Amino acid sequence: MGDGLGFTFTEEQEAFRQSIRQLVENKIRPRAAEIDRADEYPWDID
């Protein structure tokens, strides 16, 4: 198989990606099961 499309993120895109990953790991992942059970958007996550 090949190496994919062969592009890289800009510094700004990588910073954004990291900030989203941190949000998910800290705020969403610990509550994922609860959020799924409630079947509602978690408006309190900021």
Foldseek 3Di string as FASTA:
>chain_A
DDPPPDDDDDPVVVVVVVVVVVLCVPPPVVCVVVCVVVVDDPPPRD
